[in-house]
């Protein structure tokens, strides 16, 4: 009787084990399909984001304008008058700061 129950138990284990393996494979396939779908969605979102960023690339560039030599020279002279000698009291004034900004903007 013990031999029969051992064989029966062994057969039962084989049946359970063989039914478990396809279920495990199906679970892995479903997980792989889900991962692929997420990767495809992520890739599509990234392409959309890249297109949006490329369209916005023009917004960050400074506007190019022709340099006016006479205007630049006047701004330089104004900065020299407003700031005086380096490290002087006038060189730290608000007027000097404004003149330097105008000089940078014009030239």
PDB file of N, CA and C in Angstrom:
ATOM      1  N   UNK A   1       0.817  -1.174   0.000  1.00  0.00           N
ATOM      2  CA  UNK A   1       0.000   0.000   0.000  1.00  0.00           C
ATOM      3  C   UNK A   1       0.874   1.256   0.000  1.00  0.00           C
ATOM      4  N   UNK A   2       1.977   1.192   0.716  1.00  0.00           N
ATOM      5  CA  UNK A   2       2.848   2.358   0.776  1.00  0.00           C
ATOM      6  C   UNK A   2       3.461   2.655  -0.593  1.00  0.00           C
ATOM      7  N   UNK A   3       3.770   1.673  -1.346  1.00  0.00           N
ATOM      8  CA  UNK A   3       4.358   1.857  -2.670  1.00  0.00           C
ATOM      9  C   UNK A   3       3.378   2.512  -3.626  1.00  0.00           C
ATOM     10  N   UNK A   4       2.109   2.129  -3.509  1.00  0.00           N
ATOM     11  CA  UNK A   4       1.083   2.696  -4.380  1.00  0.00           C
ATOM     12  C   UNK A   4       0.851   4.167  -4.030  1.00  0.00           C
ATOM     13  N   UNK A   5       0.825   4.477  -2.733  1.00  0.00           N
ATOM     14  CA  UNK A   5       0.594   5.871  -2.336  1.00  0.00           C
ATOM     15  C   UNK A   5       1.782   6.753  -2.730  1.00  0.00           C
ATOM     16  N   UNK A   6       2.979   6.199  -2.697  1.00  0.00           N
ATOM     17  CA  UNK A   6       4.145   6.982  -3.125  1.00  0.00           C
ATOM     18  C   UNK A   6       4.064   7.253  -4.613  1.00  0.00           C
ATOM     19  N   UNK A   7       3.662   6.238  -5.399  1.00  0.00           N
ATOM     20  CA  UNK A   7       3.538   6.435  -6.839  1.00  0.00           C
ATOM     21  C   UNK A   7       2.426   7.428  -7.151  1.00  0.00           C
ATOM     22  N   UNK A   8       1.340   7.304  -6.429  1.00  0.00           N
ATOM     23  CA  UNK A   8       0.223   8.212  -6.630  1.00  0.00           C
ATOM     24  C   UNK A   8       0.612   9.649  -6.272  1.00  0.00           C
ATOM     25  N   UNK A   9       1.329   9.796  -5.181  1.00  0.00           N
ATOM     26  CA  UNK A   9       1.810  11.117  -4.772  1.00  0.00           C
ATOM     27  C   UNK A   9       2.786  11.672  -5.799  1.00  0.00           C
ATOM     28  N   UNK A  10       3.668  10.826  -6.315  1.00  0.00           N
ATOM     29  CA  UNK A  10       4.621  11.249  -7.346  1.00  0.00           C
ATOM     30  C   UNK A  10       3.910  11.679  -8.616  1.00  0.00           C
ATOM     31  N   UNK A  11       2.897  10.912  -9.013  1.00  0.00           N
ATOM     32  CA  UNK A  11       2.136  11.254 -10.218  1.00  0.00           C
ATOM     33  C   UNK A  11       1.372  12.556 -10.011  1.00  0.00           C
ATOM     34  N   UNK A  12       0.811  12.721  -8.823  1.00  0.00           N
ATOM     35  CA  UNK A  12       0.084  13.948  -8.516  1.00  0.00           C
ATOM     36  C   UNK A  12       1.012  15.156  -8.551  1.00  0.00           C
ATOM     37  N   UNK A  13       2.218  14.992  -8.030  1.00  0.00           N
ATOM     38  CA  UNK A  13       3.208  16.075  -8.067  1.00  0.00           C
ATOM     39  C   UNK A  13       3.600  16.396  -9.504  1.00  0.00           C
ATOM     40  N   UNK A  14       3.746  15.380 -10.343  1.00  0.00           N
ATOM     41  CA  UNK A  14       4.107  15.607 -11.742  1.00  0.00           C
ATOM     42  C   UNK A  14       2.998  16.365 -12.469  1.00  0.00           C
ATOM     43  N   UNK A  15       1.752  16.008 -12.208  1.00  0.00           N
ATOM     44  CA  UNK A  15       0.627  16.682 -12.850  1.00  0.00           C
ATOM     45  C   UNK A  15       0.569  18.145 -12.408  1.00  0.00           C
ATOM     46  N   UNK A  16       0.727  18.355 -11.104  1.00  0.00           N
ATOM     47  CA  UNK A  16       0.695  19.736 -10.592  1.00  0.00           C
ATOM     48  C   UNK A  16       1.852  20.553 -11.167  1.00  0.00           C
ATOM     49  N   UNK A  17       3.033  19.956 -11.196  1.00  0.00           N
ATOM     50  CA  UNK A  17       4.220  20.653 -11.692  1.00  0.00           C
ATOM     51  C   UNK A  17       4.074  20.971 -13.178  1.00  0.00           C
ATOM     52  N   UNK A  18       3.579  20.027 -13.949  1.00  0.00           N
ATOM     53  CA  UNK A  18       3.433  20.248 -15.386  1.00  0.00           C
ATOM     54  C   UNK A  18       2.344  21.271 -15.689  1.00  0.00           C
ATOM     55  N   UNK A  19       1.328  21.399 -14.844  1.00  0.00           N
ATOM     56  CA  UNK A  19       0.304  22.422 -15.065  1.00  0.00           C
ATOM     57  C   UNK A  19       0.783  23.790 -14.581  1.00  0.00           C
ATOM     58  N   UNK A  20       1.742  23.806 -13.661  1.00  0.00           N
ATOM     59  CA  UNK A  20       2.259  25.067 -13.129  1.00  0.00           C
ATOM     60  C   UNK A  20       3.189  25.747 -14.135  1.00  0.00           C
ATOM     61  N   UNK A  21       3.991  24.975 -14.873  1.00  0.00           N
ATOM     62  CA  UNK A  21       4.961  25.556 -15.799  1.00  0.00           C
ATOM     63  C   UNK A  21       4.309  26.379 -16.910  1.00  0.00           C
ATOM     64  N   UNK A  22       3.261  25.888 -17.597  1.00  0.00           N
ATOM     65  CA  UNK A  22       2.634  26.740 -18.630  1.00  0.00           C
ATOM     66  C   UNK A  22       2.015  28.000 -18.042  1.00  0.00           C
ATOM     67  N   UNK A  23       1.474  27.917 -16.846  1.00  0.00           N
ATOM     68  CA  UNK A  23       0.895  29.107 -16.209  1.00  0.00           C
ATOM     69  C   UNK A  23       1.992  30.129 -15.924  1.00  0.00           C
ATOM     70  N   UNK A  24       3.158  29.638 -15.513  1.00  0.00           N
ATOM     71  CA  UNK A  24       4.271  30.538 -15.237  1.00  0.00           C
ATOM     72  C   UNK A  24       4.753  31.179 -16.541  1.00  0.00           C
ATOM     73  N   UNK A  25       4.838  30.403 -17.623  1.00  0.00           N
ATOM     74  CA  UNK A  25       5.251  30.954 -18.916  1.00  0.00           C
ATOM     75  C   UNK A  25       4.256  31.999 -19.413  1.00  0.00           C
ATOM     76  N   UNK A  26       2.977  31.725 -19.239  1.00  0.00           N
ATOM     77  CA  UNK A  26       1.954  32.687 -19.665  1.00  0.00           C
ATOM     78  C   UNK A  26       2.071  33.982 -18.865  1.00  0.00           C
ATOM     79  N   UNK A  27       2.362  33.862 -17.567  1.00  0.00           N
ATOM     80  CA  UNK A  27       2.536  35.047 -16.732  1.00  0.00           C
ATOM     81  C   UNK A  27       3.740  35.863 -17.172  1.00  0.00           C
ATOM     82  N   UNK A  28       4.831  35.180 -17.514  1.00  0.00           N
ATOM     83  CA  UNK A  28       6.028  35.877 -17.985  1.00  0.00           C
ATOM     84  C   UNK A  28       5.768  36.559 -19.321  1.00  0.00           C
ATOM     85  N   UNK A  29       5.035  35.895 -20.207  1.00  0.00           N
ATOM     86  CA  UNK A  29       4.714  36.496 -21.502  1.00  0.00           C
ATOM     87  C   UNK A  29       3.839  37.731 -21.337  1.00  0.00           C
ATOM     88  N   UNK A  30       2.884  37.663 -20.431  1.00  0.00           N
ATOM     89  CA  UNK A  30       2.019  38.816 -20.182  1.00  0.00           C
ATOM     90  C   UNK A  30       2.838  39.980 -19.617  1.00  0.00           C
ATOM     91  N   UNK A  31       3.768  39.665 -18.723  1.00  0.00           N
ATOM     92  CA  UNK A  31       4.623  40.695 -18.143  1.00  0.00           C
ATOM     93  C   UNK A  31       5.518  41.315 -19.213  1.00  0.00           C
ATOM     94  N   UNK A  32       6.077  40.478 -20.090  1.00  0.00           N
ATOM     95  CA  UNK A  32       6.917  40.998 -21.173  1.00  0.00           C
ATOM     96  C   UNK A  32       6.108  41.888 -22.114  1.00  0.00           C
ATOM     97  N   UNK A  33       4.898  41.474 -22.437  1.00  0.00           N
ATOM     98  CA  UNK A  33       4.052  42.286 -23.316  1.00  0.00           C
ATOM     99  C   UNK A  33       3.727  43.630 -22.658  1.00  0.00           C
ATOM    100  N   UNK A  34       3.467  43.611 -21.368  1.00  0.00           N
ATOM    101  CA  UNK A  34       3.179  44.857 -20.640  1.00  0.00           C
ATOM    102  C   UNK A  34       4.405  45.768 -20.640  1.00  0.00           C
ATOM    103  N   UNK A  35       5.579  45.193 -20.433  1.00  0.00           N
ATOM    104  CA  UNK A  35       6.808  45.999 -20.439  1.00  0.00           C
ATOM    105  C   UNK A  35       7.047  46.607 -21.815  1.00  0.00           C
ATOM    106  N   UNK A  36       6.817  45.817 -22.876  1.00  0.00           N
ATOM    107  CA  UNK A  36       6.990  46.338 -24.232  1.00  0.00           C
ATOM    108  C   UNK A  36       6.013  47.484 -24.498  1.00  0.00           C
ATOM    109  N   UNK A  37       4.778  47.337 -24.062  1.00  0.00           N
ATOM    110  CA  UNK A  37       3.784  48.396 -24.260  1.00  0.00           C
ATOM    111  C   UNK A  37       4.199  49.665 -23.529  1.00  0.00           C
ATOM    112  N   UNK A  38       4.696  49.529 -22.306  1.00  0.00           N
ATOM    113  CA  UNK A  38       5.151  50.702 -21.550  1.00  0.00           C
ATOM    114  C   UNK A  38       6.342  51.368 -22.229  1.00  0.00           C
ATOM    115  N   UNK A  39       7.277  50.543 -22.739  1.00  0.00           N
ATOM    116  CA  UNK A  39       8.441  51.103 -23.427  1.00  0.00           C
ATOM    117  C   UNK A  39       8.024  51.855 -24.688  1.00  0.00           C
ATOM    118  N   UNK A  40       7.078  51.302 -25.445  1.00  0.00           N
ATOM    119  CA  UNK A  40       6.606  51.974 -26.653  1.00  0.00           C
ATOM    120  C   UNK A  40       5.910  53.287 -26.307  1.00  0.00           C
ATOM    121  N   UNK A  41       5.119  53.291 -25.254  1.00  0.00           N
ATOM    122  CA  UNK A  41       4.432  54.508 -24.835  1.00  0.00           C
ATOM    123  C   UNK A  41       5.436  55.563 -24.371  1.00  0.00           C
ATOM    124  N   UNK A  42       6.436  55.130 -23.621  1.00  0.00           N
ATOM    125  CA  UNK A  42       7.473  56.047 -23.147  1.00  0.00           C
ATOM    126  C   UNK A  42       8.243  56.647 -24.324  1.00  0.00           C
ATOM    127  N   UNK A  43       8.544  55.803 -25.317  1.00  0.00           N
ATOM    128  CA  UNK A  43       9.275  56.265 -26.501  1.00  0.00           C
ATOM    129  C   UNK A  43       8.437  57.286 -27.286  1.00  0.00           C
ATOM    130  N   UNK A  44       7.130  57.020 -27.429  1.00  0.00           N
ATOM    131  CA  UNK A  44       6.249  57.952 -28.137  1.00  0.00           C
ATOM    132  C   UNK A  44       6.176  59.290 -27.401  1.00  0.00           C
ATOM    133  N   UNK A  45       6.087  59.248 -26.083  1.00  0.00           N
ATOM    134  CA  UNK A  45       6.054  60.491 -25.295  1.00  0.00           C
ATOM    135  C   UNK A  45       7.351  61.264 -25.436  1.00  0.00           C
ATOM    136  N   UNK A  46       8.463  60.539 -25.484  1.00  0.00           N
ATOM    137  CA  UNK A  46       9.761  61.191 -25.618  1.00  0.00           C
ATOM    138  C   UNK A  46       9.873  61.874 -26.985  1.00  0.00           C
ATOM    139  N   UNK A  47       9.376  61.220 -28.037  1.00  0.00           N
ATOM    140  CA  UNK A  47       9.404  61.840 -29.359  1.00  0.00           C
ATOM    141  C   UNK A  47       8.538  63.095 -29.395  1.00  0.00           C
ATOM    142  N   UNK A  48       7.376  63.044 -28.736  1.00  0.00           N
ATOM    143  CA  UNK A  48       6.495  64.215 -28.665  1.00  0.00           C
ATOM    144  C   UNK A  48       7.188  65.363 -27.938  1.00  0.00           C
ATOM    145  N   UNK A  49       7.847  65.017 -26.814  1.00  0.00           N
ATOM    146  CA  UNK A  49       8.553  66.026 -26.034  1.00  0.00           C
ATOM    147  C   UNK A  49       9.695  66.636 -26.846  1.00  0.00           C
ATOM    148  N   UNK A  50      10.425  65.799 -27.601  1.00  0.00           N
ATOM    149  CA  UNK A  50      11.531  66.297 -28.405  1.00  0.00           C
ATOM    150  C   UNK A  50      11.039  67.270 -29.463  1.00  0.00           C
ATOM    151  N   UNK A  51       9.917  66.946 -30.100  1.00  0.00           N
ATOM    152  CA  UNK A  51       9.368  67.840 -31.117  1.00  0.00           C
ATOM    153  C   UNK A  51       8.956  69.172 -30.493  1.00  0.00           C
ATOM    154  N   UNK A  52       8.376  69.132 -29.316  1.00  0.00           N
ATOM    155  CA  UNK A  52       7.978  70.361 -28.625  1.00  0.00           C
ATOM    156  C   UNK A  52       9.197  71.190 -28.260  1.00  0.00           C
ATOM    157  N   UNK A  53      10.240  70.543 -27.768  1.00  0.00           N
ATOM    158  CA  UNK A  53      11.449  71.269 -27.388  1.00  0.00           C
ATOM    159  C   UNK A  53      12.131  71.881 -28.604  1.00  0.00           C
ATOM    160  N   UNK A  54      12.112  71.176 -29.739  1.00  0.00           N
ATOM    161  CA  UNK A  54      12.714  71.734 -30.949  1.00  0.00           C
ATOM    162  C   UNK A  54      11.943  72.957 -31.424  1.00  0.00           C
ATOM    163  N   UNK A  55      10.630  72.940 -31.287  1.00  0.00           N
ATOM    164  CA  UNK A  55       9.854  74.096 -31.713  1.00  0.00           C
ATOM    165  C   UNK A  55      10.086  75.291 -30.791  1.00  0.00           C
ATOM    166  N   UNK A  56      10.442  75.029 -29.560  1.00  0.00           N
ATOM    167  CA  UNK A  56      10.706  76.111 -28.600  1.00  0.00           C
ATOM    168  C   UNK A  56      12.153  76.573 -28.624  1.00  0.00           C
ATOM    169  N   UNK A  57      13.009  75.924 -29.385  1.00  0.00           N
ATOM    170  CA  UNK A  57      14.432  76.257 -29.391  1.00  0.00           C
ATOM    171  C   UNK A  57      14.669  77.690 -29.861  1.00  0.00           C
ATOM    172  N   UNK A  58      13.815  78.196 -30.751  1.00  0.00           N
ATOM    173  CA  UNK A  58      13.998  79.550 -31.271  1.00  0.00           C
ATOM    174  C   UNK A  58      13.734  80.611 -30.217  1.00  0.00           C
ATOM    175  N   UNK A  59      12.923  80.293 -29.237  1.00  0.00           N
ATOM    176  CA  UNK A  59      12.524  81.291 -28.246  1.00  0.00           C
ATOM    177  C   UNK A  59      13.675  81.723 -27.347  1.00  0.00           C
ATOM    178  N   UNK A  60      14.639  80.857 -27.105  1.00  0.00           N
ATOM    179  CA  UNK A  60      15.719  81.181 -26.186  1.00  0.00           C
ATOM    180  C   UNK A  60      16.861  81.955 -26.820  1.00  0.00           C
ATOM    181  N   UNK A  61      16.879  82.071 -28.141  1.00  0.00           N
ATOM    182  CA  UNK A  61      17.995  82.741 -28.809  1.00  0.00           C
ATOM    183  C   UNK A  61      17.823  84.251 -28.755  1.00  0.00           C
ATOM    184  N   UNK A  62      18.911  84.967 -28.519  1.00  0.00           N
ATOM    185  CA  UNK A  62      18.808  86.427 -28.519  1.00  0.00           C
ATOM    186  C   UNK A  62      18.565  86.952 -29.934  1.00  0.00           C
ATOM    187  N   UNK A  63      17.937  88.089 -30.009  1.00  0.00           N
ATOM    188  CA  UNK A  63      17.638  88.698 -31.294  1.00  0.00           C
ATOM    189  C   UNK A  63      18.918  89.319 -31.846  1.00  0.00           C
ATOM    190  N   UNK A  64      19.234  88.988 -33.064  1.00  0.00           N
ATOM    191  CA  UNK A  64      20.419  89.541 -33.707  1.00  0.00           C
ATOM    192  C   UNK A  64      20.059  90.901 -34.327  1.00  0.00           C
ATOM    193  N   UNK A  65      20.891  91.901 -34.082  1.00  0.00           N
ATOM    194  CA  UNK A  65      20.669  93.197 -34.711  1.00  0.00           C
ATOM    195  C   UNK A  65      22.008  93.733 -35.182  1.00  0.00           C
ATOM    196  N   UNK A  66      21.938  94.576 -36.201  1.00  0.00           N
ATOM    197  CA  UNK A  66      23.169  95.142 -36.740  1.00  0.00           C
ATOM    198  C   UNK A  66      23.762  96.106 -35.726  1.00  0.00           C
ATOM    199  N   UNK A  67      25.071  96.088 -35.655  1.00  0.00           N
ATOM    200  CA  UNK A  67      25.779  96.969 -34.739  1.00  0.00           C
ATOM    201  C   UNK A  67      25.936  98.338 -35.395  1.00  0.00           C
ATOM    202  N   UNK A  68      25.476  99.354 -34.687  1.00  0.00           N
ATOM    203  CA  UNK A  68      25.608 100.726 -35.167  1.00  0.00           C
ATOM    204  C   UNK A  68      26.871 101.307 -34.542  1.00  0.00           C
ATOM    205  N   UNK A  69      27.866 101.598 -35.376  1.00  0.00           N
ATOM    206  CA  UNK A  69      29.168 102.060 -34.875  1.00  0.00           C
ATOM    207  C   UNK A  69      29.056 103.400 -34.155  1.00  0.00           C
ATOM    208  N   UNK A  70      28.250 104.303 -34.671  1.00  0.00           N
ATOM    209  CA  UNK A  70      28.110 105.631 -34.054  1.00  0.00           C
ATOM    210  C   UNK A  70      27.419 105.512 -32.694  1.00  0.00           C
ATOM    211  N   UNK A  71      26.389 104.682 -32.623  1.00  0.00           N
ATOM    212  CA  UNK A  71      25.691 104.478 -31.359  1.00  0.00           C
ATOM    213  C   UNK A  71      26.623 103.836 -30.334  1.00  0.00           C
ATOM    214  N   UNK A  72      27.412 102.896 -30.770  1.00  0.00           N
ATOM    215  CA  UNK A  72      28.359 102.233 -29.867  1.00  0.00           C
ATOM    216  C   UNK A  72      29.386 103.231 -29.327  1.00  0.00           C
ATOM    217  N   UNK A  73      29.876 104.106 -30.194  1.00  0.00           N
ATOM    218  CA  UNK A  73      30.853 105.108 -29.762  1.00  0.00           C
ATOM    219  C   UNK A  73      30.228 106.082 -28.769  1.00  0.00           C
ATOM    220  N   UNK A  74      28.991 106.505 -28.997  1.00  0.00           N
ATOM    221  CA  UNK A  74      28.325 107.409 -28.056  1.00  0.00           C
ATOM    222  C   UNK A  74      28.108 106.726 -26.708  1.00  0.00           C
ATOM    223  N   UNK A  75      27.756 105.462 -26.725  1.00  0.00           N
ATOM    224  CA  UNK A  75      27.563 104.721 -25.474  1.00  0.00           C
ATOM    225  C   UNK A  75      28.874 104.581 -24.714  1.00  0.00           C
ATOM    226  N   UNK A  76      29.957 104.366 -25.465  1.00  0.00           N
ATOM    227  CA  UNK A  76      31.274 104.257 -24.817  1.00  0.00           C
ATOM    228  C   UNK A  76      31.669 105.575 -24.156  1.00  0.00           C
ATOM    229  N   UNK A  77      31.438 106.678 -24.843  1.00  0.00           N
ATOM    230  CA  UNK A  77      31.767 107.989 -24.295  1.00  0.00           C
ATOM    231  C   UNK A  77      30.909 108.277 -23.058  1.00  0.00           C
ATOM    232  N   UNK A  78      29.617 107.939 -23.140  1.00  0.00           N
ATOM    233  CA  UNK A  78      28.731 108.173 -22.005  1.00  0.00           C
ATOM    234  C   UNK A  78      29.188 107.346 -20.801  1.00  0.00           C
ATOM    235  N   UNK A  79      29.600 106.106 -21.033  1.00  0.00           N
ATOM    236  CA  UNK A  79      30.073 105.259 -19.939  1.00  0.00           C
ATOM    237  C   UNK A  79      31.336 105.848 -19.315  1.00  0.00           C
ATOM    238  N   UNK A  80      32.220 106.383 -20.126  1.00  0.00           N
ATOM    239  CA  UNK A  80      33.446 106.992 -19.582  1.00  0.00           C
ATOM    240  C   UNK A  80      33.116 108.226 -18.749  1.00  0.00           C
ATOM    241  N   UNK A  81      32.158 109.018 -19.223  1.00  0.00           N
ATOM    242  CA  UNK A  81      31.785 110.221 -18.455  1.00  0.00           C
ATOM    243  C   UNK A  81      31.062 109.839 -17.163  1.00  0.00           C
ATOM    244  N   UNK A  82      30.198 108.860 -17.233  1.00  0.00           N
ATOM    245  CA  UNK A  82      29.394 108.484 -16.068  1.00  0.00           C
ATOM    246  C   UNK A  82      30.227 107.759 -15.020  1.00  0.00           C
ATOM    247  N   UNK A  83      31.215 106.996 -15.450  1.00  0.00           N
ATOM    248  CA  UNK A  83      31.964 106.165 -14.497  1.00  0.00           C
ATOM    249  C   UNK A  83      33.248 106.813 -14.020  1.00  0.00           C
ATOM    250  N   UNK A  84      33.838 107.663 -14.825  1.00  0.00           N
ATOM    251  CA  UNK A  84      35.095 108.284 -14.412  1.00  0.00           C
ATOM    252  C   UNK A  84      36.201 107.249 -14.340  1.00  0.00           C
ATOM    253  N   UNK A  85      37.136 107.476 -13.442  1.00  0.00           N
ATOM    254  CA  UNK A  85      38.285 106.579 -13.293  1.00  0.00           C
ATOM    255  C   UNK A  85      37.848 105.271 -12.615  1.00  0.00           C
ATOM    256  N   UNK A  86      38.539 104.188 -12.947  1.00  0.00           N
ATOM    257  CA  UNK A  86      38.221 102.921 -12.271  1.00  0.00           C
ATOM    258  C   UNK A  86      38.440 103.059 -10.761  1.00  0.00           C
ATOM    259  N   UNK A  87      37.627 102.408  -9.988  1.00  0.00           N
ATOM    260  CA  UNK A  87      37.687 102.390  -8.522  1.00  0.00           C
ATOM    261  C   UNK A  87      37.380 103.742  -7.890  1.00  0.00           C
ATOM    262  N   UNK A  88      36.836 104.663  -8.674  1.00  0.00           N
ATOM    263  CA  UNK A  88      36.429 105.949  -8.093  1.00  0.00           C
ATOM    264  C   UNK A  88      35.012 105.798  -7.545  1.00  0.00           C
ATOM    265  N   UNK A  89      34.546 106.816  -6.849  1.00  0.00           N
ATOM    266  CA  UNK A  89      33.202 106.789  -6.290  1.00  0.00           C
ATOM    267  C   UNK A  89      32.136 106.731  -7.381  1.00  0.00           C
ATOM    268  N   UNK A  90      32.410 107.448  -8.500  1.00  0.00           N
ATOM    269  CA  UNK A  90      31.424 107.454  -9.589  1.00  0.00           C
ATOM    270  C   UNK A  90      31.305 106.089 -10.266  1.00  0.00           C
ATOM    271  N   UNK A  91      32.361 105.292 -10.220  1.00  0.00           N
ATOM    272  CA  UNK A  91      32.329 103.992 -10.909  1.00  0.00           C
ATOM    273  C   UNK A  91      31.395 103.004 -10.207  1.00  0.00           C
ATOM    274  N   UNK A  92      30.987 103.338  -8.977  1.00  0.00           N
ATOM    275  CA  UNK A  92      30.065 102.461  -8.244  1.00  0.00           C
ATOM    276  C   UNK A  92      28.655 103.032  -8.170  1.00  0.00           C
ATOM    277  N   UNK A  93      28.379 104.053  -8.951  1.00  0.00           N
ATOM    278  CA  UNK A  93      27.068 104.700  -8.896  1.00  0.00           C
ATOM    279  C   UNK A  93      26.056 103.973  -9.788  1.00  0.00           C
ATOM    280  N   UNK A  94      24.783 104.293  -9.570  1.00  0.00           N
ATOM    281  CA  UNK A  94      23.714 103.707 -10.390  1.00  0.00           C
ATOM    282  C   UNK A  94      23.807 104.212 -11.829  1.00  0.00           C
ATOM    283  N   UNK A  95      24.231 105.458 -11.980  1.00  0.00           N
ATOM    284  CA  UNK A  95      24.384 106.034 -13.328  1.00  0.00           C
ATOM    285  C   UNK A  95      25.447 105.284 -14.117  1.00  0.00           C
ATOM    286  N   UNK A  96      26.536 104.921 -13.465  1.00  0.00           N
ATOM    287  CA  UNK A  96      27.612 104.161 -14.120  1.00  0.00           C
ATOM    288  C   UNK A  96      27.121 102.766 -14.496  1.00  0.00           C
ATOM    289  N   UNK A  97      26.378 102.150 -13.615  1.00  0.00           N
ATOM    290  CA  UNK A  97      25.847 100.813 -13.891  1.00  0.00           C
ATOM    291  C   UNK A  97      24.928 100.855 -15.106  1.00  0.00           C
ATOM    292  N   UNK A  98      24.077 101.885 -15.154  1.00  0.00           N
ATOM    293  CA  UNK A  98      23.179 102.033 -16.295  1.00  0.00           C
ATOM    294  C   UNK A  98      23.973 102.261 -17.585  1.00  0.00           C
ATOM    295  N   UNK A  99      25.006 103.086 -17.528  1.00  0.00           N
ATOM    296  CA  UNK A  99      25.824 103.371 -18.707  1.00  0.00           C
ATOM    297  C   UNK A  99      26.530 102.100 -19.199  1.00  0.00           C
ATOM    298  N   UNK A 100      27.004 101.288 -18.268  1.00  0.00           N
ATOM    299  CA  UNK A 100      27.668 100.031 -18.672  1.00  0.00           C
ATOM    300  C   UNK A 100      26.679  99.064 -19.321  1.00  0.00           C
ATOM    301  N   UNK A 101      25.451  99.046 -18.791  1.00  0.00           N
ATOM    302  CA  UNK A 101      24.432  98.170 -19.406  1.00  0.00           C
ATOM    303  C   UNK A 101      24.079  98.649 -20.810  1.00  0.00           C
ATOM    304  N   UNK A 102      23.962  99.962 -20.995  1.00  0.00           N
ATOM    305  CA  UNK A 102      23.679 100.506 -22.321  1.00  0.00           C
ATOM    306  C   UNK A 102      24.822 100.205 -23.279  1.00  0.00           C
ATOM    307  N   UNK A 103      26.041 100.330 -22.802  1.00  0.00           N
ATOM    308  CA  UNK A 103      27.205 100.046 -23.632  1.00  0.00           C
ATOM    309  C   UNK A 103      27.198  98.570 -24.053  1.00  0.00           C
ATOM    310  N   UNK A 104      26.893  97.692 -23.144  1.00  0.00           N
ATOM    311  CA  UNK A 104      26.858  96.269 -23.462  1.00  0.00           C
ATOM    312  C   UNK A 104      25.734  95.966 -24.441  1.00  0.00           C
ATOM    313  N   UNK A 105      24.599  96.623 -24.280  1.00  0.00           N
ATOM    314  CA  UNK A 105      23.455  96.400 -25.147  1.00  0.00           C
ATOM    315  C   UNK A 105      23.713  96.951 -26.553  1.00  0.00           C
ATOM    316  N   UNK A 106      24.343  98.093 -26.651  1.00  0.00           N
ATOM    317  CA  UNK A 106      24.549  98.757 -27.954  1.00  0.00           C
ATOM    318  C   UNK A 106      25.720  98.178 -28.725  1.00  0.00           C
ATOM    319  N   UNK A 107      26.694  97.670 -28.031  1.00  0.00           N
ATOM    320  CA  UNK A 107      27.885  97.158 -28.735  1.00  0.00           C
ATOM    321  C   UNK A 107      27.866  95.689 -28.721  1.00  0.00           C
TER     322      UNK A 107
END
